[in-house]
N, C-alpha and C. Protein backbone atom coordinates (compact mmCIF):
# COMPACT_ATOMS: atom_id res chain seq x y z
N ALA A 1 68.84 36.38 -7.16
CA ALA A 1 69.45 37.65 -7.08
C ALA A 1 69.54 38.27 -8.35
N ASP A 2 69.04 37.81 -9.47
CA ASP A 2 69.00 38.23 -10.79
C ASP A 2 67.69 38.75 -10.73
N ILE A 3 66.52 38.30 -10.27
CA ILE A 3 65.17 38.86 -10.50
C ILE A 3 65.16 40.35 -9.90
N VAL A 4 66.04 40.61 -8.39
CA VAL A 4 66.25 41.71 -7.73
C VAL A 4 66.88 42.67 -8.70
N LYS A 5 68.08 42.07 -9.45
CA LYS A 5 69.09 43.23 -10.30
C LYS A 5 67.65 43.83 -11.86
N LEU A 6 66.85 42.93 -12.03
CA LEU A 6 66.26 43.13 -13.21
C LEU A 6 64.93 43.97 -12.70
N ALA A 7 64.34 43.92 -11.48
CA ALA A 7 63.35 44.59 -11.15
C ALA A 7 63.69 45.87 -10.64
N GLU A 8 62.82 47.02 -10.76
CA GLU A 8 62.78 48.23 -10.22
C GLU A 8 61.82 48.70 -9.55
N GLY A 9 62.08 49.75 -8.93
CA GLY A 9 61.18 50.52 -8.02
C GLY A 9 60.68 49.65 -6.64
N ASP A 10 59.38 49.64 -6.45
CA ASP A 10 58.70 49.00 -5.46
C ASP A 10 59.15 47.54 -5.63
N ASP A 11 59.07 46.96 -6.86
CA ASP A 11 59.26 45.86 -7.27
C ASP A 11 60.61 45.07 -6.59
N ARG A 12 61.71 46.02 -6.76
CA ARG A 12 63.06 45.71 -6.53
C ARG A 12 63.13 45.56 -5.23
N VAL A 13 62.26 46.42 -4.01
CA VAL A 13 62.38 46.38 -2.92
C VAL A 13 61.59 45.15 -2.08
N GLN A 14 60.56 44.74 -2.80
CA GLN A 14 60.09 43.51 -2.57
C GLN A 14 60.64 42.30 -2.70
N TRP A 15 61.47 42.01 -4.17
CA TRP A 15 62.03 40.82 -4.24
C TRP A 15 63.42 40.93 -3.32
N THR A 16 63.98 42.42 -2.96
CA THR A 16 65.21 41.97 -2.24
C THR A 16 64.66 41.70 -0.77
N LYS A 17 63.87 42.10 -0.29
CA LYS A 17 63.08 41.50 1.11
C LYS A 17 62.69 40.23 1.04
N GLN A 18 62.32 39.76 -0.07
CA GLN A 18 62.17 37.72 -0.33
C GLN A 18 63.25 37.33 -0.32
N MET A 19 64.22 37.83 -0.93
CA MET A 19 65.65 37.25 -0.83
C MET A 19 66.43 37.14 0.60
N VAL A 20 65.96 38.09 1.03
CA VAL A 20 67.15 38.68 2.43
C VAL A 20 66.34 37.56 3.33
N ASP A 21 64.92 37.40 3.07
CA ASP A 21 64.28 36.63 3.95
C ASP A 21 64.51 35.07 3.87
N GLY A 22 64.72 34.79 2.92
CA GLY A 22 65.26 33.37 2.68
C GLY A 22 66.61 33.04 3.07
N ILE A 23 67.43 34.02 2.56
CA ILE A 23 68.89 33.54 3.17
C ILE A 23 68.99 33.63 4.79
N ALA A 24 68.47 34.58 5.53
CA ALA A 24 68.30 34.78 6.91
C ALA A 24 67.58 33.28 7.21
N ALA A 25 66.61 32.76 6.54
CA ALA A 25 66.01 31.70 7.21
C ALA A 25 66.87 30.23 6.98
N ALA A 26 67.52 30.59 5.94
CA ALA A 26 68.50 29.34 5.51
C ALA A 26 69.68 29.17 6.42
N VAL A 27 70.13 30.45 7.25
CA VAL A 27 71.15 30.67 7.82
C VAL A 27 70.81 30.09 9.26
N GLN A 28 69.69 30.46 9.70
CA GLN A 28 69.13 29.92 10.79
C GLN A 28 68.71 28.73 11.21
N THR A 29 68.52 27.77 9.95
CA THR A 29 68.31 26.45 10.20
C THR A 29 69.60 25.61 9.98
N GLY A 30 70.85 26.68 9.66
CA GLY A 30 72.09 26.15 9.61
C GLY A 30 71.95 25.43 8.47
N ASN A 31 71.78 25.62 7.51
CA ASN A 31 71.62 25.10 5.82
C ASN A 31 72.29 25.83 5.06
N PHE A 32 73.02 27.21 5.21
CA PHE A 32 73.63 27.74 4.55
C PHE A 32 74.52 28.95 5.39
N THR A 33 75.68 28.64 5.37
CA THR A 33 76.28 29.22 6.57
C THR A 33 77.03 30.16 5.64
N ALA A 34 76.98 30.28 4.33
CA ALA A 34 78.01 31.34 3.60
C ALA A 34 77.04 32.70 3.46
N GLY A 35 75.74 32.43 4.19
CA GLY A 35 74.68 33.06 3.81
C GLY A 35 74.74 34.68 4.82
N VAL A 36 75.58 34.53 5.82
CA VAL A 36 75.53 35.82 6.74
C VAL A 36 76.68 36.84 5.70
N GLY A 37 77.54 36.28 5.15
CA GLY A 37 78.53 37.11 4.01
C GLY A 37 77.59 37.67 2.87
N ARG A 38 76.57 36.86 2.57
CA ARG A 38 75.52 37.23 1.38
C ARG A 38 74.64 38.49 2.10
N LEU A 39 74.38 38.38 3.01
CA LEU A 39 73.40 39.24 3.88
C LEU A 39 74.06 40.72 3.98
N LYS A 40 75.52 40.52 4.55
CA LYS A 40 76.31 41.56 4.98
C LYS A 40 76.59 42.38 3.30
N ALA A 41 76.70 41.71 2.44
CA ALA A 41 77.06 42.00 1.05
C ALA A 41 75.80 42.54 0.28
N THR A 42 74.79 42.26 0.59
CA THR A 42 73.45 43.02 0.29
C THR A 42 73.33 43.87 1.31
N GLU A 43 73.41 43.93 2.31
CA GLU A 43 73.28 45.42 3.29
C GLU A 43 74.31 46.17 2.71
N ALA A 44 75.36 46.17 2.34
CA ALA A 44 76.53 47.32 2.22
C ALA A 44 75.99 47.78 0.53
N GLU A 45 75.28 47.09 -0.05
CA GLU A 45 74.36 47.61 -1.82
C GLU A 45 73.52 48.14 -1.34
N VAL A 46 72.32 47.75 -0.34
CA VAL A 46 71.29 48.80 -0.07
C VAL A 46 71.58 50.14 0.42
N ARG A 47 72.50 50.02 1.32
CA ARG A 47 72.62 51.14 1.81
C ARG A 47 73.55 52.25 1.01
N LYS A 48 74.08 51.92 -0.03
CA LYS A 48 74.25 52.70 -1.01
C LYS A 48 73.28 53.48 -1.71
N THR A 49 72.09 52.78 -1.65
CA THR A 49 70.95 53.39 -2.40
C THR A 49 70.30 54.09 -1.49
N GLY A 50 70.47 54.34 -0.34
CA GLY A 50 69.93 55.61 0.49
C GLY A 50 68.46 55.06 0.60
N ASN A 51 68.06 54.10 0.43
CA ASN A 51 66.67 53.49 1.00
C ASN A 51 66.84 53.26 2.55
N LYS A 52 66.52 54.38 3.32
CA LYS A 52 66.75 53.59 4.80
C LYS A 52 65.79 52.42 5.42
N ASN A 53 64.59 52.36 4.74
CA ASN A 53 63.53 51.24 5.39
C ASN A 53 64.02 50.28 4.93
N LEU A 54 64.65 49.68 3.74
CA LEU A 54 65.26 48.63 3.35
C LEU A 54 66.66 48.32 3.84
N SER A 55 67.35 49.57 4.02
CA SER A 55 68.78 49.39 4.57
C SER A 55 68.23 48.54 6.55
N ALA A 56 67.21 49.23 6.91
CA ALA A 56 67.18 48.56 8.27
C ALA A 56 66.59 47.31 8.33
N TYR A 57 65.73 47.04 7.39
CA TYR A 57 65.13 45.68 6.76
C TYR A 57 66.41 44.50 6.72
N VAL A 58 67.21 45.10 5.84
CA VAL A 58 68.16 44.27 5.64
C VAL A 58 69.17 43.73 6.91
N ALA A 59 69.44 45.07 7.90
CA ALA A 59 70.33 44.63 8.86
C ALA A 59 70.12 44.03 9.80
N TYR A 60 68.31 44.27 10.17
CA TYR A 60 68.15 43.49 10.99
C TYR A 60 67.82 41.86 10.66
N ARG A 61 67.83 41.59 9.89
CA ARG A 61 67.77 39.99 9.45
C ARG A 61 69.38 39.86 9.49
N ARG A 62 70.35 40.31 9.04
CA ARG A 62 71.53 40.12 8.85
C ARG A 62 72.20 39.80 10.24
N MET A 63 71.61 40.58 10.99
CA MET A 63 72.03 40.67 12.62
C MET A 63 71.48 39.64 13.40
N LEU A 64 70.32 39.15 12.94
CA LEU A 64 69.53 37.97 13.66
C LEU A 64 70.24 36.85 12.93
N ALA A 65 70.29 36.66 11.71
CA ALA A 65 71.18 35.37 11.47
C ALA A 65 72.73 35.43 11.85
N GLU A 66 73.19 36.41 11.82
CA GLU A 66 74.54 36.46 12.56
C GLU A 66 74.46 35.84 14.28
N TYR A 67 73.76 36.39 14.60
CA TYR A 67 73.39 35.82 16.00
C TYR A 67 73.15 34.54 16.19
N THR A 68 72.10 33.88 15.22
CA THR A 68 71.73 32.49 15.27
C THR A 68 72.78 31.52 15.05
N GLN A 69 73.73 32.04 13.85
CA GLN A 69 74.82 31.32 13.57
C GLN A 69 75.85 31.31 14.44
N ASP A 70 76.29 32.34 15.24
CA ASP A 70 77.16 32.57 16.35
C ASP A 70 76.79 31.46 17.42
N LEU A 71 75.67 31.64 17.74
CA LEU A 71 75.01 30.68 18.90
C LEU A 71 75.11 29.53 18.46
N GLN A 72 74.83 29.04 17.46
CA GLN A 72 74.83 27.86 17.09
C GLN A 72 76.20 27.06 16.83
N ALA A 73 77.21 27.70 16.99
CA ALA A 73 78.32 27.42 16.83
C ALA A 73 79.63 27.68 18.08
N ALA A 74 79.12 28.38 18.79
CA ALA A 74 79.56 28.55 19.98
C ALA A 74 79.73 27.60 21.12
N LYS A 75 80.55 27.27 21.80
CA LYS A 75 81.02 26.00 22.84
C LYS A 75 80.22 26.95 24.17
N ASP A 76 80.03 25.85 25.02
CA ASP A 76 79.35 26.62 26.40
C ASP A 76 79.95 27.99 26.97
N ALA A 77 81.40 28.11 26.76
CA ALA A 77 82.23 29.13 27.36
C ALA A 77 82.15 30.19 26.84
N GLN A 78 81.48 30.22 25.40
CA GLN A 78 81.66 31.23 24.69
C GLN A 78 79.94 31.86 24.28
N ARG A 79 79.46 31.38 24.97
CA ARG A 79 77.84 31.80 24.77
C ARG A 79 77.54 32.76 25.44
N GLN A 80 78.14 33.29 26.71
CA GLN A 80 77.71 34.60 27.17
C GLN A 80 78.29 35.50 26.31
N GLU A 81 79.50 35.47 25.47
CA GLU A 81 80.10 36.34 24.59
C GLU A 81 79.16 36.79 23.76
N VAL A 82 78.53 35.50 23.07
CA VAL A 82 77.84 35.75 21.73
C VAL A 82 76.36 36.36 22.44
N GLN A 83 75.85 36.27 23.18
CA GLN A 83 74.68 36.80 24.11
C GLN A 83 75.06 38.32 24.03
N ASP A 84 76.19 38.71 24.63
CA ASP A 84 76.52 39.85 25.07
C ASP A 84 76.64 41.01 23.47
N GLN A 85 77.18 40.15 22.93
CA GLN A 85 77.21 40.85 21.47
C GLN A 85 75.76 41.00 20.81
N TRP A 86 74.85 40.09 21.00
CA TRP A 86 73.58 40.26 20.49
C TRP A 86 72.99 41.63 21.18
N LEU A 87 72.89 41.86 22.59
CA LEU A 87 72.61 43.15 23.23
C LEU A 87 73.60 44.37 22.76
N LYS A 88 74.73 44.09 22.35
CA LYS A 88 75.29 45.56 21.85
C LYS A 88 74.66 45.54 20.22
N ASP A 89 74.33 44.64 19.86
CA ASP A 89 73.89 44.70 18.32
C ASP A 89 72.29 45.28 18.33
N LEU A 90 71.60 44.67 19.23
CA LEU A 90 70.25 45.15 19.13
C LEU A 90 69.99 46.64 19.62
N GLU A 91 70.92 46.97 20.72
CA GLU A 91 71.15 48.46 21.17
C GLU A 91 71.61 49.30 19.96
N SER A 92 72.38 49.01 19.45
CA SER A 92 73.08 49.72 18.00
C SER A 92 71.78 49.86 17.23
N PHE A 93 71.17 48.94 16.84
CA PHE A 93 70.21 49.07 15.56
C PHE A 93 69.13 49.85 16.29
N ALA A 94 68.66 49.58 17.56
CA ALA A 94 67.43 50.46 17.88
C ALA A 94 67.78 51.97 18.04
N ARG A 95 69.08 52.29 18.26
CA ARG A 95 69.55 53.79 18.07
C ARG A 95 69.78 54.09 16.90
N GLU A 96 70.31 53.42 15.78
CA GLU A 96 70.53 53.86 14.44
C GLU A 96 69.08 53.65 13.60
N TRP A 97 68.48 52.82 13.97
CA TRP A 97 67.05 52.90 13.00
C TRP A 97 65.96 53.11 14.07
N PRO A 98 65.65 54.07 14.68
CA PRO A 98 64.50 54.36 15.80
C PRO A 98 63.30 54.00 15.09
N ASP A 99 62.90 54.64 13.93
CA ASP A 99 61.85 54.68 12.95
C ASP A 99 61.42 53.53 12.12
N ALA A 100 62.27 52.45 12.15
CA ALA A 100 62.45 51.12 11.54
C ALA A 100 61.29 50.32 11.67
N GLU A 101 61.03 49.72 10.86
CA GLU A 101 59.88 48.51 11.02
C GLU A 101 60.31 47.37 12.05
N ASP A 102 61.35 47.06 12.43
CA ASP A 102 62.06 46.13 13.24
C ASP A 102 62.03 46.91 14.59
N ALA A 103 62.43 48.18 14.73
CA ALA A 103 62.87 48.76 15.80
C ALA A 103 62.07 48.41 17.22
N PRO A 104 60.42 48.24 17.13
CA PRO A 104 59.92 47.62 18.42
C PRO A 104 60.34 46.36 18.71
N GLU A 105 60.43 45.45 17.71
CA GLU A 105 60.88 44.15 18.10
C GLU A 105 62.40 44.06 18.53
N ALA A 106 62.92 44.81 18.35
CA ALA A 106 64.47 44.83 18.81
C ALA A 106 64.77 45.71 19.95
N MET A 107 63.80 46.49 20.01
CA MET A 107 63.82 47.34 21.68
C MET A 107 63.09 46.23 22.64
N LEU A 108 62.24 45.28 22.30
CA LEU A 108 61.40 44.37 23.06
C LEU A 108 62.55 43.35 23.24
N GLN A 109 63.19 42.83 22.43
CA GLN A 109 64.18 41.80 22.74
C GLN A 109 65.52 42.08 23.75
N LEU A 110 65.66 43.35 23.71
CA LEU A 110 66.84 44.01 24.13
C LEU A 110 66.43 44.39 25.45
N ALA A 111 65.19 44.79 25.72
CA ALA A 111 64.74 45.04 27.25
C ALA A 111 64.36 43.83 28.09
N ILE A 112 63.65 42.56 27.37
CA ILE A 112 63.67 41.43 28.06
C ILE A 112 65.04 40.57 28.25
N ALA A 113 65.99 40.62 27.46
CA ALA A 113 67.32 40.16 27.74
C ALA A 113 67.88 40.92 28.77
N LEU A 114 67.85 42.19 29.05
CA LEU A 114 68.35 42.76 30.14
C LEU A 114 67.74 42.52 31.24
N GLU A 115 66.52 42.49 31.11
CA GLU A 115 65.65 42.24 32.43
C GLU A 115 66.10 40.88 32.84
N PHE A 116 66.08 39.80 32.19
CA PHE A 116 66.50 38.61 32.60
C PHE A 116 67.81 38.29 32.80
N GLY A 117 68.88 39.16 32.42
CA GLY A 117 70.12 39.13 32.75
C GLY A 117 70.57 39.85 33.99
N GLY A 118 69.48 40.51 34.85
CA GLY A 118 69.48 40.91 35.70
C GLY A 118 69.68 42.74 35.72
N LYS A 119 69.59 43.22 34.66
CA LYS A 119 69.73 44.47 34.81
C LYS A 119 68.51 45.24 34.35
N VAL A 120 67.85 45.56 35.61
CA VAL A 120 66.17 45.70 35.26
C VAL A 120 65.92 47.30 35.29
N VAL A 121 67.40 48.07 35.82
CA VAL A 121 67.42 49.26 35.66
C VAL A 121 67.31 49.54 33.92
N ASP A 122 68.28 49.06 33.47
CA ASP A 122 68.67 49.36 32.16
C ASP A 122 67.47 48.68 31.11
N SER A 123 66.91 47.39 31.49
CA SER A 123 65.70 47.07 30.95
C SER A 123 64.60 48.10 30.86
N ARG A 124 64.34 48.50 32.04
CA ARG A 124 63.12 49.29 32.44
C ARG A 124 63.42 50.71 31.24
N LYS A 125 64.46 51.15 31.03
CA LYS A 125 64.61 52.31 30.20
C LYS A 125 64.16 52.06 28.82
N TRP A 126 64.38 50.98 28.57
CA TRP A 126 63.99 50.36 26.98
C TRP A 126 62.38 50.05 27.08
N TYR A 127 62.00 49.34 28.14
CA TYR A 127 60.52 49.29 28.24
C TYR A 127 59.78 50.48 27.95
N ASP A 128 60.19 51.64 28.63
CA ASP A 128 59.55 52.88 28.91
C ASP A 128 59.89 53.56 27.68
N VAL A 129 60.87 53.51 26.65
CA VAL A 129 61.05 54.08 25.59
C VAL A 129 59.86 53.56 24.36
N LEU A 130 59.83 52.18 24.55
CA LEU A 130 59.14 51.38 23.66
C LEU A 130 57.61 51.68 23.72
N ALA A 131 57.15 51.65 25.20
CA ALA A 131 55.58 51.99 25.52
C ALA A 131 55.37 53.36 25.11
N SER A 132 56.36 54.57 25.24
CA SER A 132 55.80 55.90 25.02
C SER A 132 55.94 56.17 23.45
N LYS A 133 56.83 55.31 22.74
CA LYS A 133 57.23 55.53 21.25
C LYS A 133 56.22 54.95 20.40
N TYR A 134 56.37 53.23 20.79
CA TYR A 134 55.56 52.51 20.15
C TYR A 134 54.04 51.84 20.92
N GLY A 135 53.47 52.82 21.50
CA GLY A 135 52.78 52.12 22.61
C GLY A 135 51.14 51.47 21.96
N LYS A 136 51.15 51.69 20.70
CA LYS A 136 50.15 51.11 19.69
C LYS A 136 50.42 49.48 18.99
N THR A 137 51.53 49.44 18.99
CA THR A 137 52.17 48.22 18.86
C THR A 137 52.05 47.21 19.90
N THR A 138 52.09 45.50 19.29
CA THR A 138 51.81 44.40 20.05
C THR A 138 53.08 44.76 21.30
N GLN A 139 54.57 45.00 20.58
CA GLN A 139 55.53 45.34 21.52
C GLN A 139 55.60 46.24 22.49
N GLY A 140 54.87 47.62 22.04
CA GLY A 140 54.82 48.76 23.13
C GLY A 140 53.66 48.05 24.14
N ALA A 141 52.58 47.54 23.50
CA ALA A 141 51.48 47.01 24.79
C ALA A 141 52.28 45.94 25.73
N ARG A 142 53.49 45.30 25.21
CA ARG A 142 54.02 44.06 26.00
C ARG A 142 54.77 45.04 26.95
N ALA A 143 55.85 46.14 26.31
CA ALA A 143 56.44 46.80 27.40
C ALA A 143 55.52 47.73 28.20
N SER A 144 54.73 48.10 27.86
CA SER A 144 53.95 48.89 29.24
C SER A 144 53.65 47.77 30.14
N GLY A 145 53.18 46.57 30.04
CA GLY A 145 52.82 45.71 30.79
C GLY A 145 54.09 45.08 31.55
N ALA A 146 55.14 44.79 31.06
CA ALA A 146 56.41 44.78 31.64
C ALA A 146 56.82 45.56 32.70
N ALA A 147 56.64 47.17 31.94
CA ALA A 147 56.78 48.25 33.04
C ALA A 147 55.89 48.23 34.55
N ARG A 148 54.92 47.89 34.02
CA ARG A 148 53.81 47.80 35.22
C ARG A 148 54.33 46.92 36.31
N ARG A 149 54.31 45.80 35.44
CA ARG A 149 54.77 44.38 36.49
C ARG A 149 56.36 44.62 37.30
N LEU A 150 57.13 45.74 36.90
CA LEU A 150 58.34 45.98 37.50
C LEU A 150 57.98 46.87 38.76
N ASP A 151 57.03 47.50 38.26
CA ASP A 151 56.39 48.68 39.22
C ASP A 151 55.75 47.90 40.59
N LEU A 152 55.41 46.84 40.36
CA LEU A 152 54.52 46.08 41.76
C LEU A 152 54.88 45.78 42.69
N LYS A 153 56.48 45.59 42.61
CA LYS A 153 57.05 45.34 44.29
C LYS A 153 56.78 46.28 45.20
N GLY A 154 56.13 45.67 46.55
CA GLY A 154 55.63 46.72 47.52
C GLY A 154 54.40 47.39 47.25
N LYS A 155 53.55 47.05 46.16
CA LYS A 155 52.32 47.84 46.09
C LYS A 155 50.99 46.86 45.80
N PRO A 156 49.95 47.10 46.50
CA PRO A 156 48.93 46.31 46.56
C PRO A 156 48.43 45.57 45.13
N PHE A 157 47.92 44.52 45.15
CA PHE A 157 47.65 43.97 44.13
C PHE A 157 46.34 44.69 43.32
N GLN A 158 46.11 44.76 41.97
CA GLN A 158 45.21 45.07 41.64
C GLN A 158 44.59 44.38 40.30
N LEU A 159 43.32 44.28 40.50
CA LEU A 159 42.73 43.50 39.25
C LEU A 159 41.19 43.56 39.30
N ALA A 160 40.66 44.10 38.04
CA ALA A 160 39.39 44.58 38.31
C ALA A 160 38.65 44.24 36.54
N GLY A 161 37.75 43.62 36.71
CA GLY A 161 37.08 43.69 35.65
C GLY A 161 35.60 42.26 35.47
N THR A 162 35.06 42.15 34.78
CA THR A 162 33.75 41.23 34.94
C THR A 162 33.98 39.59 35.16
N GLY A 163 33.36 39.14 36.38
CA GLY A 163 33.66 37.83 36.60
C GLY A 163 33.09 36.70 35.75
N LEU A 164 33.37 35.49 35.77
CA LEU A 164 32.57 34.46 35.08
C LEU A 164 31.25 34.40 35.01
N ARG A 165 30.37 35.02 35.94
CA ARG A 165 29.12 34.61 35.85
C ARG A 165 28.46 36.12 35.98
N GLY A 166 29.21 37.02 35.24
CA GLY A 166 28.83 38.38 35.11
C GLY A 166 29.21 39.15 36.48
N GLY A 167 28.80 40.46 36.63
CA GLY A 167 28.82 41.16 37.76
C GLY A 167 30.55 41.74 37.69
N LYS A 168 30.75 42.81 38.42
CA LYS A 168 31.84 43.49 38.70
C LYS A 168 32.97 42.50 39.72
N ILE A 169 34.36 42.67 39.07
CA ILE A 169 35.26 42.24 40.55
C ILE A 169 35.99 43.21 40.56
N ASP A 170 36.50 43.54 41.77
CA ASP A 170 37.48 44.43 42.07
C ASP A 170 38.27 44.12 43.55
N SER A 171 39.94 43.78 42.86
CA SER A 171 40.61 43.09 44.03
C SER A 171 40.52 44.05 45.30
N ARG A 172 40.15 45.47 45.05
CA ARG A 172 40.07 46.58 46.30
C ARG A 172 38.95 46.16 47.23
N ASP A 173 38.11 45.44 46.87
CA ASP A 173 36.90 44.86 47.58
C ASP A 173 37.14 43.69 48.42
N LEU A 174 38.34 42.95 48.09
CA LEU A 174 38.28 41.67 48.71
C LEU A 174 39.39 41.97 49.59
N ARG A 175 40.43 43.20 50.06
CA ARG A 175 41.29 43.34 50.79
C ARG A 175 40.93 42.71 52.37
N GLY A 176 42.11 41.88 52.92
CA GLY A 176 41.89 41.32 54.05
C GLY A 176 41.40 39.94 53.77
N LYS A 177 41.15 39.64 52.46
CA LYS A 177 40.80 38.25 52.26
C LYS A 177 41.74 37.36 51.50
N VAL A 178 41.60 36.28 51.47
CA VAL A 178 42.64 35.45 50.72
C VAL A 178 42.12 35.30 49.25
N VAL A 179 42.91 35.69 48.20
CA VAL A 179 42.56 35.72 46.83
C VAL A 179 43.30 34.96 45.88
N LEU A 180 42.82 33.96 45.31
CA LEU A 180 43.67 33.12 44.19
C LEU A 180 43.46 33.79 43.09
N VAL A 181 44.34 33.99 42.38
CA VAL A 181 44.34 34.41 40.70
C VAL A 181 44.61 33.38 39.74
N LEU A 182 44.13 32.86 39.21
CA LEU A 182 44.50 31.69 38.05
C LEU A 182 44.59 32.35 36.91
N TYR A 183 45.80 32.21 36.18
CA TYR A 183 46.07 32.67 34.79
C TYR A 183 45.53 31.79 33.33
N TRP A 184 44.82 31.87 33.13
CA TRP A 184 44.77 30.80 31.85
C TRP A 184 44.06 31.23 30.56
N ALA A 185 44.20 30.55 29.34
CA ALA A 185 43.79 30.77 28.03
C ALA A 185 42.84 29.94 27.56
N ARG A 186 41.98 30.40 26.56
CA ARG A 186 41.05 29.67 26.11
C ARG A 186 41.20 28.49 25.26
N TRP A 187 42.70 28.48 24.74
CA TRP A 187 43.18 27.32 24.10
C TRP A 187 43.77 26.33 24.90
N CYS A 188 44.05 26.60 26.47
CA CYS A 188 44.56 25.72 26.91
C CYS A 188 43.83 25.13 27.58
N LYS A 189 43.50 23.66 27.38
CA LYS A 189 42.87 22.49 27.37
C LYS A 189 42.97 22.24 28.90
N PRO A 190 44.17 21.79 29.41
CA PRO A 190 44.20 21.56 31.12
C PRO A 190 43.77 22.77 31.62
N CYS A 191 44.16 24.04 31.13
CA CYS A 191 43.48 25.16 31.94
C CYS A 191 42.14 25.11 32.42
N THR A 192 41.49 25.31 30.91
CA THR A 192 39.97 25.22 31.08
C THR A 192 39.40 24.01 31.44
N GLY A 193 39.96 23.01 31.75
CA GLY A 193 39.71 21.87 32.50
C GLY A 193 39.46 22.29 33.93
N ASP A 194 40.77 22.78 34.43
CA ASP A 194 40.89 23.43 36.00
C ASP A 194 39.86 24.03 36.44
N LEU A 195 39.30 25.12 35.51
CA LEU A 195 37.92 25.90 35.87
C LEU A 195 36.90 25.12 36.14
N GLN A 196 36.37 24.10 35.36
CA GLN A 196 35.25 23.32 35.77
C GLN A 196 35.46 22.40 36.55
N GLN A 197 36.63 22.34 37.43
CA GLN A 197 36.21 21.26 38.59
C GLN A 197 36.13 22.33 39.73
């Protein structure tokens, strides 16, 4: 904290981020229960400076630390309340800081949680916003894929690309035949083993 006070300009921003990251990590590991209070105080101080980017940075990490701490302390009956508050916080963050560095991640977390909570229509809205506004980010690409997946019901399966032995593969050419699609990754040893059999 002393280094942050002594630093100026961009150095102060960097030191603040490092301090906030350290506090948030300590809270999330359960080793610094007073950390959420420190993050709230830091957030209030940073907001006074008018630095929107840094304010959003601190707010997101405070929010995540608070969620983690609340979840760790919650009894089984309270977990849904904690989850509901997390969704409200994510939505508030996405609306207040739509251009923040962490906005795509907040929107993706919100959309995924809504989808798996059975609120598919609401999740789809966030996937669409994310895909259109942040399409070039990793989160935007994931949102685009999720939206495409949500649209699959009742539509023919489409897959096209290059086969393992070269040549073009297109599922449209295989209509009327049984098609097995195996998803795998190069790093997955059992997956690549299955392919060799």
